[in-house]
Amino acid sequence: MHWRRRGARTTARAGGTLGSMTNGTRTEPDSAYAPAGSLGDAEIYRRFLADLFGVMAYGELSAFERMSSDARFSPTLHDRTVLGRLAVREYAHFERVTEHLVKLGLDPETAMRPFQPSVDAFHDRTRPADWFESLMKFYVTDAISDDFYQSVAARLDPATAELVLGLKEETEPAGEVLEARLQQALADDPRLASRLALWGRRLVGEALTQAHRVVLERFIGGGLLPGTVQGMYEAELKTLSAELTRNHSRRMSRLGLTA
């Protein structure tokens, strides 16, 4: 997707390829940006955003439901409080995304519905056996989602990218909270290490499969990235997968686990 500043002669890309990870710099919102090309291009981009925010919204809603539900199995009241607070934060993210869908003139439920079967199936395939596996699942999937949406943000107009990236900017990021608790759990019971390492490998595989499905089936297969060659994007997805896997490996290393 290309972007052109109104009145400018040149057309610039809002980011790199899909597989390019952003470098942490922030793009300031600018309402002077608009999709280059015809009104048809603008409608395609609107459909793209409907799918993007649809899958984000349902992902946040699902995270809220599962986190709040699993909190009751917490071994301590402190853990239960922490997970409850993180669940509330997930619901706040859900509300921000659905509010944006409404501003775009879209119905949030309609936008979410296409992704409900695949997201639910992902959670059905990755049911935690206990609270510690549940904690690891939140840690792994939240981080991979962050990485994935950061990459997608490179293709968005600046104002929309600001919203996507801003959802994960917290004074106390969920990943840091979960990582600290997992480190404590592993220190208290080193026997958890092999089981959680194996569980983490399964989770990252399932999460990457889910990311591929969203991009290939909805964004490309659905015609939301026109003028592209599927083979090219499959190659880019391999690059993205490799980057996501490297990031996952670094996170596992911080826990003292083998990815």
Protein backbone atom coordinates (compact mmCIF):
# COMPACT_ATOMS: atom_id res chain seq x y z
CA MET A 1 0.00 0.00 0.00
CA HIS A 2 1.47 3.31 -1.04
CA TRP A 3 0.79 6.72 0.42
CA ARG A 4 0.93 10.15 -1.15
CA ARG A 5 0.83 13.49 0.62
CA ARG A 6 -1.89 15.59 -0.96
CA GLY A 7 -0.41 18.04 -3.41
CA ALA A 8 2.97 16.31 -3.53
CA ARG A 9 4.41 14.96 -6.73
CA THR A 10 6.17 11.97 -5.33
CA THR A 11 4.64 8.87 -3.79
CA ALA A 12 6.31 7.32 -0.76
CA ARG A 13 5.81 4.00 0.98
CA ALA A 14 4.59 4.22 4.57
CA GLY A 15 6.99 1.53 5.60
CA GLY A 16 9.07 -1.33 4.26
CA THR A 17 7.82 -4.74 3.24
CA LEU A 18 5.47 -6.69 5.44
CA GLY A 19 8.44 -8.55 6.80
CA SER A 20 10.27 -5.40 7.88
CA MET A 21 10.18 -4.82 11.61
CA THR A 22 9.91 -1.22 12.72
CA ASN A 23 12.85 0.21 14.58
CA GLY A 24 10.94 1.72 17.47
CA THR A 25 10.63 5.20 16.00
CA ARG A 26 7.20 6.73 16.03
CA THR A 27 5.46 8.28 13.05
CA GLU A 28 3.46 11.35 13.95
CA PRO A 29 -0.21 11.35 12.91
CA ASP A 30 -0.91 13.42 9.82
CA SER A 31 -4.40 13.77 8.43
CA ALA A 32 -2.84 15.07 5.19
CA TYR A 33 -1.99 11.50 4.23
CA ALA A 34 -4.43 9.58 2.06
CA PRO A 35 -4.25 6.46 -0.12
CA ALA A 36 -2.76 7.16 -3.52
CA GLY A 37 -4.87 6.31 -6.53
CA SER A 38 -8.59 6.02 -7.13
CA LEU A 39 -11.55 5.96 -4.80
CA GLY A 40 -11.45 2.21 -5.34
CA ASP A 41 -8.06 2.15 -3.67
CA ALA A 42 -9.49 4.02 -0.70
CA GLU A 43 -12.28 1.47 -0.37
CA ILE A 44 -9.80 -1.41 -0.54
CA TYR A 45 -7.77 0.22 2.23
CA ARG A 46 -10.93 0.70 4.28
CA ARG A 47 -11.67 -3.01 3.93
CA PHE A 48 -8.08 -3.74 4.92
CA LEU A 49 -8.53 -1.69 8.08
CA ALA A 50 -11.85 -3.41 8.80
CA ASP A 51 -10.07 -6.78 8.78
CA LEU A 52 -7.02 -5.53 10.64
CA PHE A 53 -9.02 -3.95 13.45
CA GLY A 54 -11.51 -6.80 13.37
CA VAL A 55 -8.87 -9.41 14.15
CA MET A 56 -7.21 -7.09 16.69
CA ALA A 57 -10.50 -6.46 18.48
CA TYR A 58 -11.45 -10.11 18.68
CA GLY A 59 -7.95 -10.99 19.84
CA GLU A 60 -8.16 -8.43 22.65
CA LEU A 61 -11.64 -9.60 23.65
CA SER A 62 -10.49 -13.23 23.72
CA ALA A 63 -7.43 -12.31 25.79
CA PHE A 64 -9.64 -10.49 28.29
CA GLU A 65 -12.00 -13.45 28.60
CA ARG A 66 -9.29 -16.04 29.07
CA MET A 67 -7.11 -13.95 31.34
CA SER A 68 -9.98 -13.03 33.64
CA SER A 69 -11.18 -16.64 33.66
CA ASP A 70 -7.74 -18.14 34.36
CA ALA A 71 -7.05 -15.61 37.11
CA ARG A 72 -9.24 -17.62 39.48
CA PHE A 73 -6.71 -20.48 39.36
CA SER A 74 -3.88 -18.22 40.53
CA PRO A 75 -1.83 -19.71 43.37
CA THR A 76 -1.92 -16.48 45.39
CA LEU A 77 -4.23 -13.53 45.80
CA HIS A 78 -1.44 -11.28 44.54
CA ASP A 79 -1.25 -13.27 41.29
CA ARG A 80 -5.00 -13.15 40.97
CA THR A 81 -4.93 -9.37 41.38
CA VAL A 82 -2.16 -8.94 38.82
CA LEU A 83 -3.90 -11.06 36.17
CA GLY A 84 -7.18 -9.30 36.88
CA ARG A 85 -5.51 -5.95 36.27
CA LEU A 86 -3.98 -7.19 33.01
CA ALA A 87 -7.37 -8.52 31.90
CA VAL A 88 -8.94 -5.11 32.48
CA ARG A 89 -6.20 -3.58 30.36
CA GLU A 90 -6.96 -6.02 27.53
CA TYR A 91 -10.60 -4.98 27.63
CA ALA A 92 -9.58 -1.34 27.48
CA HIS A 93 -7.60 -2.13 24.32
CA PHE A 94 -10.66 -3.88 22.90
CA GLU A 95 -12.75 -0.78 23.52
CA ARG A 96 -10.20 1.50 21.84
CA VAL A 97 -10.11 -0.69 18.72
CA THR A 98 -13.89 -1.00 18.47
CA GLU A 99 -14.26 2.76 18.95
CA HIS A 100 -11.96 3.25 15.99
CA LEU A 101 -14.02 0.83 13.90
CA VAL A 102 -17.11 2.86 14.70
CA LYS A 103 -15.31 6.06 13.66
CA LEU A 104 -14.59 4.37 10.33
CA GLY A 105 -18.31 3.73 9.94
CA LEU A 106 -17.90 0.02 10.54
CA ASP A 107 -19.78 -2.35 12.80
CA PRO A 108 -17.35 -3.97 15.27
CA GLU A 109 -19.24 -7.26 15.48
CA THR A 110 -19.32 -7.56 11.69
CA ALA A 111 -15.59 -6.81 11.54
CA MET A 112 -14.75 -9.38 14.22
CA ARG A 113 -17.00 -12.19 13.05
CA PRO A 114 -14.78 -13.56 10.20
CA PHE A 115 -11.96 -14.16 12.68
CA GLN A 116 -13.97 -15.76 15.45
CA PRO A 117 -13.66 -19.36 14.17
CA SER A 118 -9.89 -19.27 13.63
CA VAL A 119 -9.07 -17.45 16.87
CA ASP A 120 -11.35 -19.76 18.86
CA ALA A 121 -9.76 -22.77 17.15
CA PHE A 122 -6.30 -21.48 18.10
CA HIS A 123 -7.32 -21.28 21.75
CA ASP A 124 -8.94 -24.70 21.61
CA ARG A 125 -5.70 -26.18 20.25
CA THR A 126 -3.63 -24.49 22.94
CA ARG A 127 -5.55 -25.14 26.14
CA PRO A 128 -3.16 -24.78 29.11
CA ALA A 129 -2.86 -27.73 31.46
CA ASP A 130 -2.43 -25.52 34.53
CA TRP A 131 -1.93 -21.96 35.71
CA PHE A 132 1.78 -21.90 34.80
CA GLU A 133 1.06 -22.95 31.22
CA SER A 134 -1.67 -20.33 31.12
CA LEU A 135 0.83 -17.69 32.23
CA MET A 136 3.30 -18.80 29.55
CA LYS A 137 0.58 -18.68 26.92
CA PHE A 138 -0.27 -15.08 27.79
CA TYR A 139 3.42 -14.20 27.71
CA VAL A 140 4.17 -15.81 24.36
CA THR A 141 1.04 -14.84 22.44
CA ASP A 142 0.97 -11.26 23.69
CA ALA A 143 4.59 -10.71 22.65
CA ILE A 144 4.16 -12.31 19.22
CA SER A 145 1.02 -10.25 18.61
CA ASP A 146 2.95 -7.11 19.50
CA ASP A 147 5.73 -8.00 17.07
CA PHE A 148 3.27 -8.90 14.31
CA TYR A 149 1.20 -5.72 14.58
CA GLN A 150 4.34 -3.62 14.81
CA SER A 151 5.34 -5.06 11.45
CA VAL A 152 1.89 -4.49 9.93
CA ALA A 153 1.97 -0.90 11.20
CA ALA A 154 4.72 -0.19 8.68
CA ARG A 155 2.06 -0.43 5.95
CA LEU A 156 -0.44 1.90 7.58
CA ASP A 157 -1.05 5.60 7.28
CA PRO A 158 0.65 7.50 10.12
CA ALA A 159 -2.50 8.18 12.17
CA THR A 160 -3.60 4.54 12.06
CA ALA A 161 -0.09 3.30 12.79
CA GLU A 162 -0.06 5.59 15.82
CA LEU A 163 -3.18 3.87 17.16
CA VAL A 164 -1.86 0.35 16.52
CA LEU A 165 1.51 1.01 18.14
CA GLY A 166 0.01 3.05 20.96
CA LEU A 167 -2.12 0.15 22.18
CA LYS A 168 0.95 -1.54 23.58
CA GLU A 169 2.62 1.48 25.14
CA GLU A 170 2.09 0.97 28.83
CA THR A 171 3.81 2.32 31.92
CA GLU A 172 4.13 -1.31 33.00
CA PRO A 173 3.99 -3.51 29.87
CA ALA A 174 2.16 -6.80 30.28
CA GLY A 175 5.14 -8.68 28.91
CA GLU A 176 7.40 -7.38 31.67
CA VAL A 177 4.86 -8.29 34.36
CA LEU A 178 4.40 -11.82 33.00
CA GLU A 179 8.12 -12.34 32.47
CA ALA A 180 8.92 -11.38 36.06
CA ARG A 181 6.28 -13.79 37.39
CA LEU A 182 7.51 -16.63 35.17
CA GLN A 183 11.10 -16.04 36.31
CA GLN A 184 9.93 -16.26 39.90
CA ALA A 185 7.98 -19.46 39.22
CA LEU A 186 10.99 -21.08 37.53
CA ALA A 187 13.26 -20.06 40.40
CA ASP A 188 10.83 -21.55 42.92
CA ASP A 189 10.42 -24.80 40.96
CA PRO A 190 13.18 -25.52 38.39
CA ARG A 191 11.29 -28.66 37.35
CA LEU A 192 8.92 -26.40 35.41
CA ALA A 193 11.66 -25.47 32.95
CA SER A 194 11.48 -28.40 30.53
CA ARG A 195 7.68 -28.44 30.46
CA LEU A 196 7.35 -24.68 29.89
CA ALA A 197 10.10 -24.70 27.25
CA LEU A 198 8.25 -27.39 25.29
CA TRP A 199 4.96 -25.53 25.76
CA GLY A 200 6.54 -22.31 24.52
CA ARG A 201 7.76 -24.04 21.33
CA ARG A 202 4.29 -25.33 20.63
CA LEU A 203 2.74 -21.92 21.23
CA VAL A 204 5.08 -20.06 18.91
CA GLY A 205 4.42 -22.57 16.13
CA GLU A 206 0.66 -22.22 16.48
CA ALA A 207 0.89 -18.42 16.70
CA LEU A 208 2.97 -18.17 13.51
CA THR A 209 0.51 -20.41 11.68
CA GLN A 210 -2.28 -18.11 12.80
CA ALA A 211 -0.42 -15.02 11.56
CA HIS A 212 0.17 -16.64 8.17
CA ARG A 213 -3.49 -17.52 7.87
CA VAL A 214 -4.61 -13.95 8.56
CA VAL A 215 -2.28 -12.42 5.99
CA LEU A 216 -2.61 -15.00 3.21
CA GLU A 217 -6.30 -15.76 3.50
CA ARG A 218 -7.72 -12.35 4.39
CA PHE A 219 -5.31 -9.66 3.26
CA ILE A 220 -3.97 -11.30 0.09
CA GLY A 221 -6.51 -14.00 -0.71
CA GLY A 222 -9.31 -11.52 -0.08
CA GLY A 223 -7.77 -8.97 -2.46
CA LEU A 224 -6.98 -6.43 0.25
CA LEU A 225 -3.40 -5.98 -0.96
CA PRO A 226 -4.00 -5.49 -4.70
CA GLY A 227 -1.29 -5.71 -7.29
CA THR A 228 0.76 -8.15 -5.23
CA VAL A 229 2.15 -11.53 -6.08
CA GLN A 230 1.27 -14.13 -3.48
CA GLY A 231 4.62 -15.87 -3.87
CA MET A 232 6.42 -12.64 -3.04
CA TYR A 233 4.41 -12.18 0.13
CA GLU A 234 4.91 -15.79 1.10
CA ALA A 235 8.65 -15.11 0.93
CA GLU A 236 8.19 -11.99 3.04
CA LEU A 237 6.18 -13.98 5.55
CA LYS A 238 9.08 -16.39 5.89
CA THR A 239 11.31 -13.42 6.69
CA LEU A 240 8.78 -12.13 9.20
CA SER A 241 8.43 -15.58 10.76
CA ALA A 242 12.18 -15.79 11.18
CA GLU A 243 12.21 -12.41 12.93
CA LEU A 244 9.32 -13.34 15.20
CA THR A 245 11.04 -16.61 16.05
CA ARG A 246 14.31 -14.82 16.89
CA ASN A 247 12.44 -12.42 19.17
CA HIS A 248 10.71 -15.37 20.83
CA SER A 249 14.06 -17.10 21.35
CA ARG A 250 15.47 -14.02 23.05
CA ARG A 251 12.49 -13.88 25.38
CA MET A 252 12.85 -17.57 26.23
CA SER A 253 16.55 -17.02 26.92
CA ARG A 254 15.68 -14.33 29.45
CA LEU A 255 13.63 -16.97 31.23
CA GLY A 256 16.51 -19.42 31.08
CA LEU A 257 14.56 -21.66 28.69
CA THR A 258 15.49 -23.19 25.34
CA ALA A 259 13.24 -22.02 22.52
